C-alpha atoms as a PDB file:
ATOM      1  CA  MET A   1      -4.461  14.214  -6.960  1.00  0.00           C
ATOM      2  CA  SER A   2      -3.575  11.860  -4.154  1.00  0.00           C
ATOM      3  CA  ALA A   3      -1.140  12.699  -1.383  1.00  0.00           C
ATOM      4  CA  THR A   4       1.146   9.829  -2.484  1.00  0.00           C
ATOM      5  CA  THR A   5       1.618  11.094  -6.049  1.00  0.00           C
ATOM      6  CA  GLN A   6       5.165  12.244  -6.637  1.00  0.00           C
ATOM      7  CA  PRO A   7       5.925  15.262  -8.785  1.00  0.00           C
ATOM      8  CA  SER A   8       7.287  14.249 -12.173  1.00  0.00           C
ATOM      9  CA  SER A   9      10.445  16.294 -11.619  1.00  0.00           C
ATOM     10  CA  GLU A  10      11.564  14.025  -8.761  1.00  0.00           C
ATOM     11  CA  GLU A  11      14.266  11.456  -9.457  1.00  0.00           C
ATOM     12  CA  PRO A  12      13.287   7.789  -9.115  1.00  0.00           C
ATOM     13  CA  SER A  13      14.539   6.279  -5.876  1.00  0.00           C
ATOM     14  CA  THR A  14      17.760   4.300  -5.802  1.00  0.00           C
ATOM     15  CA  GLU A  15      15.695   1.197  -5.033  1.00  0.00           C
ATOM     16  CA  SER A  16      13.613   1.585  -8.195  1.00  0.00           C
ATOM     17  CA  LYS A  17      16.750   2.207 -10.275  1.00  0.00           C
ATOM     18  CA  GLU A  18      18.367  -0.878  -8.772  1.00  0.00           C
ATOM     19  CA  GLN A  19      15.231  -2.944  -9.398  1.00  0.00           C
ATOM     20  CA  ARG A  20      15.011  -1.725 -13.021  1.00  0.00           C
ATOM     21  CA  LEU A  21      18.655  -2.664 -13.636  1.00  0.00           C
ATOM     22  CA  LYS A  22      18.249  -6.041 -11.930  1.00  0.00           C
ATOM     23  CA  GLN A  23      15.179  -6.879 -14.039  1.00  0.00           C
ATOM     24  CA  PHE A  24      17.028  -5.895 -17.214  1.00  0.00           C
ATOM     25  CA  LEU A  25      20.038  -8.047 -16.298  1.00  0.00           C
ATOM     26  CA  SER A  26      17.837 -11.003 -15.342  1.00  0.00           C
ATOM     27  CA  ARG A  27      16.099 -10.863 -18.736  1.00  0.00           C
ATOM     28  CA  LYS A  28      19.342 -10.553 -20.693  1.00  0.00           C
ATOM     29  CA  ALA A  29      21.168 -13.276 -18.743  1.00  0.00           C
ATOM     30  CA  LYS A  30      18.319 -15.785 -18.498  1.00  0.00           C
ATOM     31  CA  ASP A  31      19.891 -18.074 -21.120  1.00  0.00           C
ATOM     32  CA  GLY A  32      23.465 -17.818 -19.866  1.00  0.00           C
ATOM     33  CA  GLU A  33      26.289 -15.386 -19.285  1.00  0.00           C
ATOM     34  CA  LEU A  34      26.065 -11.725 -20.161  1.00  0.00           C
ATOM     35  CA  TYR A  35      29.119  -9.492 -20.542  1.00  0.00           C
ATOM     36  CA  PHE A  36      28.658  -5.739 -20.865  1.00  0.00           C
ATOM     37  CA  LYS A  37      30.067  -2.291 -20.220  1.00  0.00           C
ATOM     38  CA  SER A  38      27.813   0.205 -18.483  1.00  0.00           C
ATOM     39  CA  LYS A  39      28.091   2.763 -21.274  1.00  0.00           C
ATOM     40  CA  PHE A  40      26.593   0.297 -23.777  1.00  0.00           C
ATOM     41  CA  ILE A  41      23.409  -0.442 -21.794  1.00  0.00           C
ATOM     42  CA  ALA A  42      22.859   3.012 -20.269  1.00  0.00           C
ATOM     43  CA  ASP A  43      20.206   4.064 -22.797  1.00  0.00           C
ATOM     44  CA  GLU A  44      18.340   0.752 -22.500  1.00  0.00           C
ATOM     45  CA  VAL A  45      17.911   1.095 -18.730  1.00  0.00           C
ATOM     46  CA  ASP A  46      17.640   4.905 -18.692  1.00  0.00           C
ATOM     47  CA  LEU A  47      20.562   5.297 -16.271  1.00  0.00           C
ATOM     48  CA  SER A  48      23.963   6.902 -16.599  1.00  0.00           C
ATOM     49  CA  PRO A  49      27.038   4.664 -16.862  1.00  0.00           C
ATOM     50  CA  LYS A  50      28.145   6.022 -13.474  1.00  0.00           C
ATOM     51  CA  GLU A  51      24.805   5.078 -11.878  1.00  0.00           C
ATOM     52  CA  ILE A  52      25.026   1.600 -13.404  1.00  0.00           C
ATOM     53  CA  GLY A  53      28.545   1.115 -12.041  1.00  0.00           C
ATOM     54  CA  ALA A  54      27.468   2.074  -8.529  1.00  0.00           C
ATOM     55  CA  LEU A  55      24.395  -0.149  -8.709  1.00  0.00           C
ATOM     56  CA  MET A  56      26.417  -3.098 -10.048  1.00  0.00           C
ATOM     57  CA  VAL A  57      28.626  -2.989  -6.955  1.00  0.00           C
ATOM     58  CA  LYS A  58      25.481  -3.098  -4.785  1.00  0.00           C
ATOM     59  CA  LEU A  59      23.991  -5.928  -6.850  1.00  0.00           C
ATOM     60  CA  SER A  60      27.203  -7.941  -6.629  1.00  0.00           C
ATOM     61  CA  GLU A  61      26.794  -7.903  -2.854  1.00  0.00           C
ATOM     62  CA  SER A  62      23.015  -8.284  -2.550  1.00  0.00           C
ATOM     63  CA  ALA A  63      21.531 -10.139  -5.532  1.00  0.00           C
ATOM     64  CA  THR A  64      20.754 -13.750  -4.701  1.00  0.00           C
ATOM     65  CA  ASP A  65      19.353 -14.730  -8.108  1.00  0.00           C
ATOM     66  CA  LEU A  66      22.259 -13.306 -10.138  1.00  0.00           C
ATOM     67  CA  GLU A  67      26.003 -13.810 -10.028  1.00  0.00           C
ATOM     68  CA  VAL A  68      27.639 -10.438 -10.672  1.00  0.00           C
ATOM     69  CA  GLU A  69      31.374 -10.108 -11.167  1.00  0.00           C
ATOM     70  CA  LYS A  70      33.771  -7.383 -12.285  1.00  0.00           C
ATOM     71  CA  TRP A  71      35.307  -9.178 -15.226  1.00  0.00           C
ATOM     72  CA  SER A  72      37.943  -6.866 -16.684  1.00  0.00           C
ATOM     73  CA  TYR A  73      38.908  -3.267 -17.178  1.00  0.00           C
ATOM     74  CA  THR A  74      39.810  -1.871 -20.576  1.00  0.00           C
ATOM     75  CA  SER A  75      38.724   1.766 -20.902  1.00  0.00           C
ATOM     76  CA  ALA A  76      35.728   0.878 -18.680  1.00  0.00           C
ATOM     77  CA  THR A  77      34.711  -1.972 -16.402  1.00  0.00           C
ATOM     78  CA  THR A  78      33.302  -5.042 -18.102  1.00  0.00           C
ATOM     79  CA  TRP A  79      30.751  -6.860 -15.964  1.00  0.00           C
ATOM     80  CA  ARG A  80      29.857 -10.534 -16.122  1.00  0.00           C
ATOM     81  CA  VAL A  81      26.353 -11.551 -15.046  1.00  0.00           C
ATOM     82  CA  GLU A  82      24.712 -14.965 -15.023  1.00  0.00           C
ATOM     83  CA  PRO A  83      21.756 -16.553 -13.263  1.00  0.00           C
ATOM     84  CA  ALA A  84      22.663 -17.944  -9.839  1.00  0.00           C
END
């Protein structure tokens, strides 16, 4: 076992969670706009809706290849994502 191997019980880093979400959104929005609520994609990206919400705020500020916008709020935030 190498010294760089992480125990399986450790949580993935925030960076890897953010990257996983960004890749998912890039794939889904490659042909145009994507509208979603965090609770409906949580299982697909293996993140909680709360984690997705926090990461979406970060992506809205940092992603250069995606346009991320809080679109509306009805029982949960709806996000709008499209390629930049």
